[in-house]
Protein backbone atom coordinates (compact mmCIF):
# COMPACT_ATOMS: atom_id res chain seq x y z
CA MET A 1 -24.93 104.61 -53.65
CA THR A 2 -28.56 103.89 -52.86
CA ILE A 3 -28.92 100.42 -51.34
CA THR A 4 -31.99 98.66 -52.67
CA ALA A 5 -31.27 95.09 -51.55
CA LEU A 6 -29.62 93.58 -48.48
CA ILE A 7 -28.53 90.10 -49.47
CA THR A 8 -27.38 87.22 -47.29
CA HIS A 9 -27.48 83.47 -47.76
CA SER A 10 -30.58 81.31 -47.60
CA GLY A 11 -30.92 78.16 -45.51
CA GLY A 12 -29.91 77.86 -41.89
CA PHE A 13 -28.89 81.04 -40.13
CA HIS A 14 -26.31 82.03 -37.55
CA ALA A 15 -25.75 84.93 -35.21
CA ASP A 16 -23.33 86.76 -37.48
CA GLU A 17 -25.65 87.44 -40.41
CA LEU A 18 -28.61 87.96 -38.07
CA LEU A 19 -26.77 90.66 -36.15
CA SER A 20 -25.41 92.13 -39.37
CA SER A 21 -29.01 92.35 -40.55
CA VAL A 22 -29.91 94.33 -37.41
CA ILE A 23 -27.37 96.99 -38.33
CA LEU A 24 -28.17 97.09 -42.02
CA THR A 25 -31.97 97.09 -41.82
CA ARG A 26 -31.80 100.15 -39.58
CA LEU A 27 -29.49 102.02 -41.93
CA PHE A 28 -31.30 100.96 -45.10
CA PRO A 29 -34.94 100.50 -44.04
CA GLN A 30 -36.26 100.79 -47.59
CA ALA A 31 -34.03 98.01 -48.94
CA ASN A 32 -35.41 94.53 -49.52
CA LEU A 33 -33.88 91.79 -47.35
CA VAL A 34 -33.09 88.87 -49.65
CA ARG A 35 -31.89 85.44 -48.52
CA SER A 36 -30.44 83.58 -51.49
CA ARG A 37 -27.44 81.69 -52.86
CA ASP A 38 -28.37 82.43 -56.46
CA ALA A 39 -25.35 83.83 -58.30
CA ALA A 40 -27.50 86.60 -59.72
CA TRP A 41 -28.05 87.89 -56.20
CA ILE A 42 -24.70 87.23 -54.55
CA THR A 43 -22.60 88.84 -57.27
CA PRO A 44 -21.83 92.54 -56.64
CA ALA A 45 -24.23 94.84 -58.45
CA PHE A 46 -25.37 98.42 -58.19
CA GLY A 47 -27.65 98.90 -55.17
CA HIS A 48 -26.81 95.51 -53.65
CA LEU A 49 -25.16 95.04 -50.27
CA ILE A 50 -24.08 91.43 -49.83
CA TYR A 51 -22.92 89.86 -46.56
CA ASP A 52 -21.89 86.43 -45.24
CA VAL A 53 -22.02 85.01 -48.73
CA GLY A 54 -20.36 85.59 -52.11
CA GLY A 55 -16.76 84.59 -51.41
CA LEU A 56 -15.38 88.13 -51.46
CA PHE A 57 -14.70 91.09 -49.22
CA ASP A 58 -14.67 94.47 -50.89
CA ALA A 59 -16.25 97.37 -49.03
CA ASP A 60 -16.25 99.51 -52.18
CA LEU A 61 -18.30 96.85 -53.96
CA GLN A 62 -20.50 96.42 -50.86
CA ILE A 63 -19.74 92.72 -50.36
CA PHE A 64 -18.76 91.50 -46.89
CA ASP A 65 -17.96 87.78 -46.82
CA HIS A 66 -15.36 86.03 -44.67
CA HIS A 67 -15.43 82.39 -45.81
CA GLN A 68 -12.90 82.70 -48.65
CA ARG A 69 -9.13 82.21 -48.61
CA GLY A 70 -7.38 85.42 -47.69
CA ALA A 71 -10.38 86.69 -45.72
CA PRO A 72 -9.61 89.87 -43.76
CA LEU A 73 -8.25 89.65 -40.22
CA ARG A 74 -8.27 92.05 -37.30
CA ASP A 75 -5.07 93.93 -36.55
CA ASP A 76 -4.22 91.29 -33.94
CA GLY A 77 -4.70 88.45 -36.42
CA GLN A 78 -8.08 87.26 -35.15
CA PRO A 79 -10.73 86.50 -37.79
CA PHE A 80 -13.74 88.57 -38.72
CA SER A 81 -17.19 87.17 -39.34
CA SER A 82 -19.62 89.11 -41.50
CA PHE A 83 -20.79 90.86 -38.33
CA GLY A 84 -17.31 92.11 -37.54
CA LEU A 85 -16.89 93.41 -41.08
CA ILE A 86 -20.27 95.13 -41.07
CA TRP A 87 -19.67 96.61 -37.60
CA ARG A 88 -16.24 97.92 -38.62
CA HIS A 89 -17.70 99.55 -41.73
CA TYR A 90 -21.15 100.63 -40.54
CA GLY A 91 -21.09 100.55 -36.72
CA VAL A 92 -20.34 104.24 -36.19
CA ARG A 93 -23.08 105.20 -38.61
CA TYR A 94 -25.49 102.81 -36.87
CA LEU A 95 -24.80 104.39 -33.48
CA ALA A 96 -25.28 107.90 -34.84
CA ASP A 97 -28.54 106.84 -36.50
CA SER A 98 -29.63 105.33 -33.16
CA GLY A 99 -29.37 108.72 -31.48
CA ILE A 100 -26.19 108.08 -29.50
CA PRO A 101 -24.53 111.40 -28.59
CA HIS A 102 -21.52 112.19 -30.73
CA GLU A 103 -19.20 112.25 -27.74
CA HIS A 104 -20.17 108.67 -26.79
CA ILE A 105 -20.02 107.03 -30.22
CA SER A 106 -16.33 106.15 -30.34
CA GLN A 107 -16.33 104.58 -26.87
CA ILE A 108 -19.50 102.61 -27.48
CA HIS A 109 -18.31 101.45 -30.90
CA THR A 110 -15.13 100.07 -29.38
CA LYS A 111 -16.83 98.56 -26.32
CA PHE A 112 -19.51 96.82 -28.36
CA ASP A 113 -16.83 95.46 -30.69
CA GLN A 114 -14.73 94.13 -27.81
CA GLU A 115 -17.54 92.70 -25.72
CA ILE A 116 -20.02 91.45 -28.33
CA VAL A 117 -18.79 91.52 -31.94
CA LEU A 118 -15.40 89.91 -31.36
CA TYR A 119 -16.90 86.84 -29.71
CA ILE A 120 -19.50 86.42 -32.44
CA ASP A 121 -16.62 86.57 -34.92
CA LEU A 122 -14.55 83.99 -33.06
CA LEU A 123 -17.43 81.58 -32.51
CA ASP A 124 -18.57 81.78 -36.12
CA ASN A 125 -15.05 81.02 -37.35
CA GLY A 126 -14.51 78.11 -34.96
CA ALA A 127 -11.73 80.03 -33.21
CA LEU A 128 -13.65 79.84 -29.94
CA SER A 129 -15.90 77.07 -28.65
CA PRO A 130 -19.20 77.68 -26.85
CA SER A 131 -17.90 75.14 -24.33
CA VAL A 132 -15.81 77.92 -22.72
CA ALA A 133 -19.10 79.04 -21.17
CA GLY A 134 -19.34 75.69 -19.36
CA PRO A 135 -22.86 74.67 -18.34
CA LEU A 136 -24.14 78.05 -19.58
CA ALA A 137 -23.05 77.31 -23.17
CA PRO A 138 -26.66 76.73 -24.36
CA LEU A 139 -27.53 80.21 -23.04
CA THR A 140 -24.90 82.13 -25.02
CA LEU A 141 -26.26 84.65 -27.51
CA PRO A 142 -25.31 82.70 -30.67
CA GLU A 143 -26.81 79.49 -29.31
CA LEU A 144 -30.05 81.21 -28.29
CA LEU A 145 -30.46 82.95 -31.64
CA GLU A 146 -29.72 79.79 -33.60
CA SER A 147 -32.20 77.85 -31.44
CA LEU A 148 -34.92 79.82 -33.25
CA SER A 149 -34.16 77.91 -36.45
CA PRO A 150 -36.96 75.61 -37.66
CA ALA A 151 -36.82 71.88 -36.94
CA PHE A 152 -34.92 69.73 -39.44
CA ASP A 153 -38.15 68.18 -40.72
CA ALA A 154 -40.18 71.40 -41.06
CA ARG A 155 -42.14 70.98 -44.31
CA ASP A 156 -43.09 74.59 -45.04
CA PRO A 157 -40.67 75.84 -47.72
CA GLU A 158 -40.84 79.29 -46.15
CA SER A 159 -40.10 78.04 -42.62
CA GLU A 160 -36.46 79.16 -42.62
CA ASP A 161 -37.24 82.67 -43.85
CA LEU A 162 -40.07 82.98 -41.34
CA ALA A 163 -37.78 81.82 -38.53
CA PHE A 164 -35.08 84.24 -39.67
CA GLY A 165 -37.58 87.10 -39.54
CA ALA A 166 -38.67 86.16 -36.02
CA ALA A 167 -35.05 85.82 -34.86
CA LEU A 168 -34.24 89.20 -36.40
CA VAL A 169 -36.86 90.89 -34.23
CA LEU A 170 -35.27 89.44 -31.09
CA ALA A 171 -31.73 90.19 -32.25
CA ARG A 172 -32.71 93.80 -32.96
CA GLN A 173 -34.15 94.23 -29.47
CA LEU A 174 -30.99 92.81 -27.90
CA VAL A 175 -28.59 95.01 -29.88
CA GLU A 176 -30.63 98.14 -29.26
CA SER A 177 -30.87 97.38 -25.53
CA ILE A 178 -27.14 96.73 -25.19
CA VAL A 179 -26.27 99.95 -27.00
CA LYS A 180 -28.70 101.95 -24.84
CA LYS A 181 -27.19 100.39 -21.72
CA TYR A 182 -23.68 101.38 -22.78
CA ASP A 183 -24.89 104.93 -23.40
CA ALA A 184 -26.64 105.04 -20.00
CA ASN A 185 -23.44 103.83 -18.33
CA LEU A 186 -21.52 106.71 -19.88
CA ARG A 187 -24.18 109.20 -18.77
CA ALA A 188 -23.95 107.83 -15.24
CA GLN A 189 -20.17 107.89 -15.21
CA SER A 190 -19.75 111.62 -14.65
CA ILE A 191 -22.35 111.58 -11.86
CA VAL A 192 -20.62 108.70 -10.09
CA VAL A 193 -17.22 110.38 -10.40
CA LYS A 194 -18.60 113.49 -8.65
CA SER A 195 -20.13 111.31 -5.94
CA ILE A 196 -16.78 109.55 -5.40
CA GLN A 197 -15.09 112.92 -5.06
CA LYS A 198 -17.74 114.04 -2.58
CA ALA A 199 -17.26 110.88 -0.50
CA GLY A 200 -13.57 111.67 -0.13
CA ALA A 201 -11.93 109.22 2.28
CA GLY A 202 -15.33 108.05 3.52
CA GLN A 203 -16.47 104.51 2.88
CA ILE A 204 -20.03 105.27 1.84
CA LEU A 205 -20.92 106.31 -1.70
CA GLU A 206 -24.09 108.40 -1.95
CA LEU A 207 -25.82 108.51 -5.33
CA PRO A 208 -28.72 110.82 -6.29
CA GLN A 209 -30.59 107.89 -7.84
CA ASN A 210 -30.12 104.24 -8.69
CA MET A 211 -27.62 103.99 -11.57
CA PRO A 212 -24.71 101.86 -12.81
CA PHE A 213 -21.70 102.70 -10.66
CA LEU A 214 -19.44 99.68 -10.14
CA GLN A 215 -17.13 100.01 -13.14
CA THR A 216 -16.61 103.69 -12.47
CA VAL A 217 -15.72 102.94 -8.84
CA ILE A 218 -13.26 100.28 -9.98
CA ASP A 219 -11.75 102.51 -12.68
CA ALA A 220 -11.37 105.34 -10.16
CA GLY A 221 -9.42 103.07 -7.82
CA ALA A 222 -11.88 103.88 -5.03
CA ASP A 223 -11.12 100.66 -3.17
CA HIS A 224 -11.97 102.25 0.18
CA LEU A 225 -15.68 102.45 -0.65
CA LEU A 226 -17.66 99.64 0.97
CA PHE A 227 -21.33 100.55 0.60
CA VAL A 228 -23.59 102.63 -1.62
CA ILE A 229 -26.85 104.37 -0.74
CA ALA A 230 -29.46 105.76 -3.11
CA PRO A 231 -33.15 106.69 -3.11
CA ARG A 232 -35.65 104.21 -4.54
CA ASP A 233 -39.26 105.26 -5.03
CA SER A 234 -40.47 106.21 -1.54
CA ASP A 235 -37.62 104.56 0.40
CA TRP A 236 -33.82 104.35 0.42
CA THR A 237 -31.45 101.50 -0.31
CA LEU A 238 -28.12 100.46 1.17
CA GLY A 239 -26.09 98.04 -0.91
CA GLY A 240 -22.76 96.31 -0.83
CA ILE A 241 -20.16 96.98 -3.53
CA ARG A 242 -18.86 93.99 -5.48
CA ARG A 243 -15.13 93.34 -5.62
CA THR A 244 -15.13 93.00 -9.41
CA SER A 245 -17.63 93.30 -12.22
CA HIS A 246 -17.41 89.54 -12.87
CA GLU A 247 -18.19 88.14 -9.44
CA PHE A 248 -20.79 88.66 -6.75
CA THR A 249 -18.39 88.69 -3.77
CA LEU A 250 -18.76 91.97 -1.88
CA ARG A 251 -16.09 94.17 -0.39
CA ALA A 252 -18.10 93.95 2.82
CA ASP A 253 -21.38 92.26 3.78
CA LEU A 254 -24.11 93.91 5.80
CA PRO A 255 -24.17 92.82 9.48
CA SER A 256 -25.13 89.19 9.97
CA ALA A 257 -27.56 90.20 12.74
CA TRP A 258 -29.73 91.94 10.13
CA ALA A 259 -30.00 89.04 7.69
CA GLY A 260 -33.56 88.31 6.56
CA LEU A 261 -35.23 90.76 8.96
CA ASN A 262 -38.11 93.15 8.23
CA GLY A 263 -39.82 96.07 9.91
CA GLN A 264 -39.72 96.15 13.69
CA ALA A 265 -37.45 93.11 13.87
CA LEU A 266 -34.81 94.94 11.83
CA GLU A 267 -35.34 98.15 13.79
CA LYS A 268 -34.69 96.24 17.00
CA ALA A 269 -31.64 94.39 15.66
CA SER A 270 -30.07 97.51 14.16
CA GLY A 271 -31.27 100.10 16.67
CA VAL A 272 -32.37 102.31 13.76
CA LEU A 273 -35.93 103.60 13.61
CA GLY A 274 -37.12 103.34 10.00
CA ALA A 275 -34.99 100.34 9.10
CA ASN A 276 -37.28 98.35 6.85
CA PHE A 277 -35.69 95.28 5.22
CA CYS A 278 -32.41 93.38 4.91
CA HIS A 279 -31.96 90.60 2.38
CA ASN A 280 -30.92 87.27 3.83
CA GLY A 281 -27.91 87.40 1.50
CA ARG A 282 -26.80 90.61 3.28
CA PHE A 283 -26.17 92.54 0.07
CA ILE A 284 -29.03 95.06 0.28
CA ALA A 285 -31.14 96.74 2.94
CA THR A 286 -33.80 99.43 2.84
CA ALA A 287 -35.07 102.17 5.13
CA THR A 288 -37.95 104.62 5.06
CA SER A 289 -35.84 107.79 5.32
CA TYR A 290 -32.48 109.22 4.35
CA GLU A 291 -31.51 109.65 7.99
CA ALA A 292 -32.25 105.98 8.70
CA ILE A 293 -30.32 104.68 5.69
CA VAL A 294 -27.28 106.78 6.64
CA LYS A 295 -27.35 105.35 10.17
CA LEU A 296 -27.59 101.82 8.78
CA ALA A 297 -24.67 102.52 6.45
CA GLN A 298 -22.54 103.87 9.29
CA ILE A 299 -23.26 100.81 11.42
CA ALA A 300 -22.47 98.54 8.45
CA VAL A 301 -19.09 100.24 8.00
CA GLU A 302 -18.27 100.01 11.71
CA THR A 303 -19.25 96.32 11.76
CA ALA A 304 -17.17 95.60 8.67
CA GLU A 305 -14.14 97.36 10.12
CA ALA A 306 -14.50 95.53 13.44
CA THR A 307 -14.75 92.23 11.61
CA LYS A 308 -11.51 92.92 9.71
CA SER A 309 -9.63 93.76 12.89
């Protein structure tokens, strides 16, 4: 079926139909995006794809609502929003159309569903409160997207549609960036695995360039690794490795004697010619050569081991 119209409800907007619109406008770029509650629009018809409105879910009829009694649930009993329904039906196709390699699509589809879509679904259905984010609640994705709605007393009759269009641009950038990040993480994974194998029982991970590595290190059970080194532009970096992906606590800090030092002061404190900078937080240092960064890393490991004992 050729889709000629993408139809969602008019009035105020939420993250679920905005993010659904991101997926659908990419897959059906020639279709008109219509925001309406008119029965003539929100009743299934040839060429119409209706979502978050209409009181019915039927993928064959191209209507994806979740507000009605008997709305579809996930296998674990949790509710879908329109975004979850659209992602389940069109997510794989969206990823393929976005240029994601075939071998990455299944993993990214599942990861995006678990980390992004599910929480949009739960929030939209009132099964999860933004308050779980504590003081960061106003900064959650749904809250930020909905903050782009016009003021309650906006007089322009087109203000809501204009705001929806502006929010859609931002939502599209976010979804595309997240998907690209997931894909980059998978590309980096095989490189990091080889680097872990090369490190063996050593406590320093050497990477050929700056790349995402933490989750791969955690998944590999490489708990012995304490620091990571990699080239950066014309210098080299030495960084600590976080204990988990959800906290900033490091497995080991850089030596306290280096904290906040630059240039000759750091060279003197470390005894390493070419040592260039150490952050006061002791989570990253730089040097002007590979030889210097390796020496700094070795000293950092020795200091960390001495501190433990």
